[in-house]
């Protein structure tokens, strides 16, 4: 999780997963970005563990502005938007506003 990821314009303070018994795991990411962005690529993959972690059928890659502007076309994009809105409701805005993670 967050290993070998190139962070050229941002500072990654913390990136960890909190596993809870019989509940959804929580993702805790602390990222500092000095400016607002109008283009943001979001990628999400689900893995499962039998003997080792293997890729699951869920592999979503979307541009953030397009995801917020037109989320009704694809159910996976709608689901990703719902997760982002629940976890970071104060940061998720339409694209002319820009996206700022600080």
N, C-alpha and C. Protein backbone atom coordinates (compact mmCIF):
# COMPACT_ATOMS: atom_id res chain seq x y z
N UNK A 1 0.84 -1.17 0.00
CA UNK A 1 0.00 0.00 0.00
C UNK A 1 0.89 1.24 0.00
N UNK A 2 0.76 2.05 -1.02
CA UNK A 2 1.52 3.30 -1.14
C UNK A 2 3.03 3.06 -1.17
N UNK A 3 3.45 1.92 -1.69
CA UNK A 3 4.88 1.62 -1.77
C UNK A 3 5.36 1.92 -3.19
N UNK A 4 6.53 2.53 -3.29
CA UNK A 4 7.14 2.87 -4.58
C UNK A 4 6.24 3.73 -5.44
N UNK A 5 5.50 4.62 -4.83
CA UNK A 5 4.64 5.53 -5.57
C UNK A 5 5.36 6.86 -5.73
N UNK A 6 5.50 7.36 -6.95
CA UNK A 6 6.22 8.62 -7.13
C UNK A 6 5.39 9.82 -6.69
N UNK A 7 5.86 10.49 -5.68
CA UNK A 7 5.20 11.70 -5.19
C UNK A 7 6.13 12.88 -5.49
N UNK A 8 5.95 13.48 -6.66
CA UNK A 8 6.85 14.56 -7.08
C UNK A 8 6.41 15.92 -6.54
N UNK A 9 5.11 16.16 -6.43
CA UNK A 9 4.61 17.46 -6.00
C UNK A 9 3.96 17.42 -4.63
N UNK A 10 3.84 16.27 -4.04
CA UNK A 10 3.17 16.14 -2.76
C UNK A 10 4.06 15.46 -1.74
N UNK A 11 3.69 15.56 -0.49
CA UNK A 11 4.41 14.92 0.61
C UNK A 11 3.46 13.92 1.26
N UNK A 12 3.87 12.66 1.30
CA UNK A 12 3.07 11.61 1.92
C UNK A 12 3.50 11.48 3.38
N UNK A 13 2.60 11.81 4.31
CA UNK A 13 2.91 11.73 5.73
C UNK A 13 2.62 10.34 6.29
N UNK A 14 1.50 9.77 5.90
CA UNK A 14 1.10 8.48 6.45
C UNK A 14 0.24 7.74 5.43
N UNK A 15 0.44 6.44 5.34
CA UNK A 15 -0.37 5.60 4.47
C UNK A 15 -0.43 4.22 5.10
N UNK A 16 -1.57 3.87 5.66
CA UNK A 16 -1.68 2.55 6.28
C UNK A 16 -3.13 2.08 6.23
N UNK A 17 -3.26 0.78 6.35
CA UNK A 17 -4.57 0.14 6.34
C UNK A 17 -4.86 -0.36 7.75
N UNK A 18 -6.06 -0.11 8.22
CA UNK A 18 -6.48 -0.56 9.54
C UNK A 18 -7.51 -1.68 9.33
N UNK A 19 -7.12 -2.90 9.70
CA UNK A 19 -8.01 -4.05 9.53
C UNK A 19 -8.84 -4.24 10.78
N UNK A 20 -10.16 -4.46 10.59
CA UNK A 20 -11.07 -4.66 11.71
C UNK A 20 -11.82 -5.97 11.50
N UNK A 21 -11.98 -6.72 12.55
CA UNK A 21 -12.64 -8.02 12.45
C UNK A 21 -14.12 -7.84 12.11
N UNK A 22 -14.56 -8.57 11.08
CA UNK A 22 -15.95 -8.59 10.62
C UNK A 22 -16.48 -7.21 10.20
N UNK A 23 -15.58 -6.32 9.80
CA UNK A 23 -15.98 -5.01 9.29
C UNK A 23 -15.10 -4.64 8.12
N UNK A 24 -15.47 -3.55 7.43
CA UNK A 24 -14.64 -3.08 6.33
C UNK A 24 -13.31 -2.56 6.86
N UNK A 25 -12.20 -2.82 6.16
CA UNK A 25 -10.94 -2.20 6.57
C UNK A 25 -10.96 -0.70 6.27
N UNK A 26 -10.21 0.05 7.04
CA UNK A 26 -10.13 1.49 6.86
C UNK A 26 -8.79 1.85 6.23
N UNK A 27 -8.80 2.79 5.33
CA UNK A 27 -7.58 3.30 4.70
C UNK A 27 -7.28 4.66 5.30
N UNK A 28 -6.09 4.82 5.85
CA UNK A 28 -5.69 6.08 6.47
C UNK A 28 -4.54 6.66 5.65
N UNK A 29 -4.79 7.75 4.94
CA UNK A 29 -3.78 8.40 4.11
C UNK A 29 -3.71 9.86 4.50
N UNK A 30 -2.50 10.33 4.77
CA UNK A 30 -2.27 11.74 5.05
C UNK A 30 -1.32 12.27 3.98
N UNK A 31 -1.82 13.18 3.15
CA UNK A 31 -1.09 13.67 1.99
C UNK A 31 -1.14 15.20 1.99
N UNK A 32 -0.01 15.82 1.76
CA UNK A 32 0.06 17.29 1.70
C UNK A 32 0.39 17.73 0.28
N UNK A 33 -0.45 18.60 -0.27
CA UNK A 33 -0.23 19.15 -1.61
C UNK A 33 -0.26 20.67 -1.51
N UNK A 34 0.78 21.34 -2.03
CA UNK A 34 0.86 22.79 -1.87
C UNK A 34 -0.05 23.60 -2.79
N UNK A 35 -0.64 22.99 -3.80
CA UNK A 35 -1.48 23.76 -4.73
C UNK A 35 -2.72 22.97 -5.10
N UNK A 36 -3.67 23.63 -5.78
CA UNK A 36 -4.90 22.98 -6.23
C UNK A 36 -4.66 22.34 -7.59
N UNK A 37 -5.37 21.24 -7.83
CA UNK A 37 -5.20 20.50 -9.07
C UNK A 37 -6.54 20.42 -9.81
N UNK A 38 -6.48 20.58 -11.12
CA UNK A 38 -7.67 20.43 -11.96
C UNK A 38 -7.67 19.10 -12.70
N UNK A 39 -6.62 18.31 -12.55
CA UNK A 39 -6.54 16.98 -13.15
C UNK A 39 -5.99 16.05 -12.09
N UNK A 40 -6.75 15.02 -11.76
CA UNK A 40 -6.37 14.10 -10.70
C UNK A 40 -6.74 12.69 -11.13
N UNK A 41 -5.75 11.81 -11.24
CA UNK A 41 -6.00 10.42 -11.62
C UNK A 41 -6.17 9.59 -10.36
N UNK A 42 -7.28 8.87 -10.27
CA UNK A 42 -7.60 8.03 -9.12
C UNK A 42 -7.59 6.59 -9.58
N UNK A 43 -6.85 5.73 -8.85
CA UNK A 43 -6.79 4.32 -9.20
C UNK A 43 -7.09 3.49 -7.96
N UNK A 44 -7.91 2.46 -8.13
CA UNK A 44 -8.30 1.60 -7.03
C UNK A 44 -8.27 0.16 -7.51
N UNK A 45 -7.63 -0.72 -6.74
CA UNK A 45 -7.61 -2.15 -7.04
C UNK A 45 -7.97 -2.91 -5.78
N UNK A 46 -8.73 -3.97 -5.94
CA UNK A 46 -9.05 -4.84 -4.81
C UNK A 46 -8.25 -6.14 -4.96
N UNK A 47 -7.71 -6.62 -3.86
CA UNK A 47 -6.96 -7.87 -3.84
C UNK A 47 -7.59 -8.80 -2.80
N UNK A 48 -7.40 -10.08 -2.99
CA UNK A 48 -7.86 -11.05 -2.00
C UNK A 48 -6.68 -11.93 -1.61
N UNK A 49 -6.77 -12.55 -0.45
CA UNK A 49 -5.68 -13.37 0.04
C UNK A 49 -6.18 -14.79 0.29
N UNK A 50 -5.60 -15.74 -0.44
CA UNK A 50 -5.82 -17.15 -0.16
C UNK A 50 -4.54 -17.69 0.47
N UNK A 51 -3.47 -17.75 -0.30
CA UNK A 51 -2.14 -18.03 0.25
C UNK A 51 -1.24 -16.81 0.10
N UNK A 52 -1.50 -16.03 -0.92
CA UNK A 52 -0.81 -14.75 -1.12
C UNK A 52 -1.81 -13.79 -1.75
N UNK A 53 -1.49 -12.50 -1.72
CA UNK A 53 -2.41 -11.51 -2.28
C UNK A 53 -2.42 -11.61 -3.80
N UNK A 54 -3.61 -11.73 -4.36
CA UNK A 54 -3.81 -11.82 -5.80
C UNK A 54 -4.82 -10.76 -6.22
N UNK A 55 -4.68 -10.26 -7.45
CA UNK A 55 -5.64 -9.25 -7.91
C UNK A 55 -7.05 -9.81 -8.00
N UNK A 56 -8.01 -9.01 -7.63
CA UNK A 56 -9.42 -9.37 -7.72
C UNK A 56 -9.96 -8.78 -9.02
N UNK A 57 -11.21 -8.96 -9.30
CA UNK A 57 -11.79 -8.46 -10.55
C UNK A 57 -12.01 -6.96 -10.56
N UNK A 58 -11.87 -6.30 -9.42
CA UNK A 58 -12.12 -4.86 -9.35
C UNK A 58 -10.81 -4.11 -9.58
N UNK A 59 -10.73 -3.40 -10.69
CA UNK A 59 -9.58 -2.56 -11.02
C UNK A 59 -10.13 -1.30 -11.68
N UNK A 60 -10.20 -0.23 -10.93
CA UNK A 60 -10.84 1.01 -11.40
C UNK A 60 -9.77 2.08 -11.54
N UNK A 61 -9.76 2.74 -12.68
CA UNK A 61 -8.87 3.88 -12.90
C UNK A 61 -9.71 4.96 -13.57
N UNK A 62 -9.77 6.13 -12.94
CA UNK A 62 -10.62 7.20 -13.46
C UNK A 62 -9.97 8.55 -13.22
N UNK A 63 -10.27 9.48 -14.10
CA UNK A 63 -9.81 10.86 -13.92
C UNK A 63 -10.80 11.53 -12.98
N UNK A 64 -10.29 12.20 -11.95
CA UNK A 64 -11.12 12.74 -10.88
C UNK A 64 -12.18 13.72 -11.35
N UNK A 65 -11.84 14.63 -12.25
CA UNK A 65 -12.81 15.62 -12.73
C UNK A 65 -13.94 14.94 -13.50
N UNK A 66 -13.59 13.99 -14.35
CA UNK A 66 -14.59 13.27 -15.11
C UNK A 66 -15.47 12.43 -14.19
N UNK A 67 -14.89 11.87 -13.16
CA UNK A 67 -15.63 11.07 -12.19
C UNK A 67 -16.69 11.91 -11.48
N UNK A 68 -16.33 13.13 -11.09
CA UNK A 68 -17.28 14.00 -10.38
C UNK A 68 -18.31 14.62 -11.32
N UNK A 69 -17.92 14.82 -12.57
CA UNK A 69 -18.81 15.46 -13.53
C UNK A 69 -19.86 14.49 -14.07
N UNK A 70 -19.45 13.26 -14.39
CA UNK A 70 -20.34 12.32 -15.07
C UNK A 70 -20.23 10.95 -14.41
N UNK A 71 -20.80 10.79 -13.22
CA UNK A 71 -20.67 9.55 -12.47
C UNK A 71 -21.83 8.60 -12.67
N UNK A 72 -22.80 8.94 -13.54
CA UNK A 72 -23.97 8.10 -13.71
C UNK A 72 -23.77 7.00 -14.76
N UNK A 73 -22.74 7.09 -15.56
CA UNK A 73 -22.55 6.12 -16.64
C UNK A 73 -22.07 4.76 -16.15
N UNK A 74 -21.13 4.73 -15.25
CA UNK A 74 -20.48 3.49 -14.85
C UNK A 74 -20.76 3.22 -13.37
N UNK A 75 -21.27 2.04 -13.03
CA UNK A 75 -21.55 1.76 -11.62
C UNK A 75 -20.30 1.72 -10.74
N UNK A 76 -19.16 1.32 -11.31
CA UNK A 76 -17.93 1.31 -10.51
C UNK A 76 -17.48 2.73 -10.19
N UNK A 77 -17.62 3.64 -11.15
CA UNK A 77 -17.27 5.04 -10.89
C UNK A 77 -18.22 5.66 -9.88
N UNK A 78 -19.50 5.31 -9.96
CA UNK A 78 -20.48 5.81 -9.00
C UNK A 78 -20.13 5.31 -7.59
N UNK A 79 -19.72 4.04 -7.50
CA UNK A 79 -19.33 3.47 -6.21
C UNK A 79 -18.08 4.17 -5.67
N UNK A 80 -17.07 4.40 -6.54
CA UNK A 80 -15.85 5.08 -6.10
C UNK A 80 -16.16 6.50 -5.63
N UNK A 81 -17.03 7.20 -6.36
CA UNK A 81 -17.42 8.55 -5.94
C UNK A 81 -18.12 8.52 -4.58
N UNK A 82 -18.97 7.54 -4.36
CA UNK A 82 -19.64 7.41 -3.07
C UNK A 82 -18.66 7.18 -1.93
N UNK A 83 -17.65 6.36 -2.16
CA UNK A 83 -16.62 6.12 -1.14
C UNK A 83 -15.86 7.40 -0.86
N UNK A 84 -15.43 8.12 -1.91
CA UNK A 84 -14.70 9.37 -1.72
C UNK A 84 -15.56 10.41 -1.01
N UNK A 85 -16.82 10.49 -1.37
CA UNK A 85 -17.72 11.48 -0.75
C UNK A 85 -17.94 11.16 0.72
N UNK A 86 -18.04 9.87 1.08
CA UNK A 86 -18.22 9.49 2.48
C UNK A 86 -16.97 9.74 3.30
N UNK A 87 -15.80 9.44 2.74
CA UNK A 87 -14.56 9.55 3.50
C UNK A 87 -13.99 10.96 3.53
N UNK A 88 -14.15 11.72 2.43
CA UNK A 88 -13.55 13.05 2.33
C UNK A 88 -14.57 14.05 1.81
N UNK A 89 -15.68 14.19 2.49
CA UNK A 89 -16.76 15.04 1.97
C UNK A 89 -16.36 16.51 1.87
N UNK A 90 -15.45 16.97 2.70
CA UNK A 90 -15.06 18.38 2.64
C UNK A 90 -14.09 18.66 1.49
N UNK A 91 -13.49 17.62 0.89
CA UNK A 91 -12.51 17.82 -0.17
C UNK A 91 -13.05 17.55 -1.56
N UNK A 92 -14.17 16.86 -1.67
CA UNK A 92 -14.70 16.48 -2.98
C UNK A 92 -15.61 17.58 -3.49
N UNK A 93 -15.16 18.26 -4.56
CA UNK A 93 -15.90 19.36 -5.18
C UNK A 93 -15.85 19.19 -6.69
N UNK A 94 -16.75 19.81 -7.43
CA UNK A 94 -16.66 19.78 -8.89
C UNK A 94 -15.37 20.42 -9.38
N UNK A 95 -14.97 20.10 -10.58
CA UNK A 95 -13.65 20.46 -11.08
C UNK A 95 -13.33 21.94 -11.25
N UNK A 96 -14.21 22.80 -11.64
CA UNK A 96 -13.77 24.20 -11.73
C UNK A 96 -13.23 24.73 -10.41
N UNK A 97 -13.69 24.14 -9.30
CA UNK A 97 -13.20 24.53 -7.99
C UNK A 97 -11.76 24.10 -7.79
N UNK A 98 -11.36 22.99 -8.42
CA UNK A 98 -10.04 22.42 -8.20
C UNK A 98 -10.10 21.44 -7.05
N UNK A 99 -9.10 20.62 -6.93
CA UNK A 99 -9.04 19.63 -5.86
C UNK A 99 -7.78 19.90 -5.07
N UNK A 100 -7.90 20.05 -3.77
CA UNK A 100 -6.75 20.37 -2.93
C UNK A 100 -6.73 19.40 -1.76
N UNK A 101 -5.68 18.63 -1.63
CA UNK A 101 -5.50 17.73 -0.50
C UNK A 101 -4.46 18.34 0.42
N UNK A 102 -4.84 18.77 1.60
CA UNK A 102 -3.85 19.32 2.53
C UNK A 102 -4.22 18.99 3.95
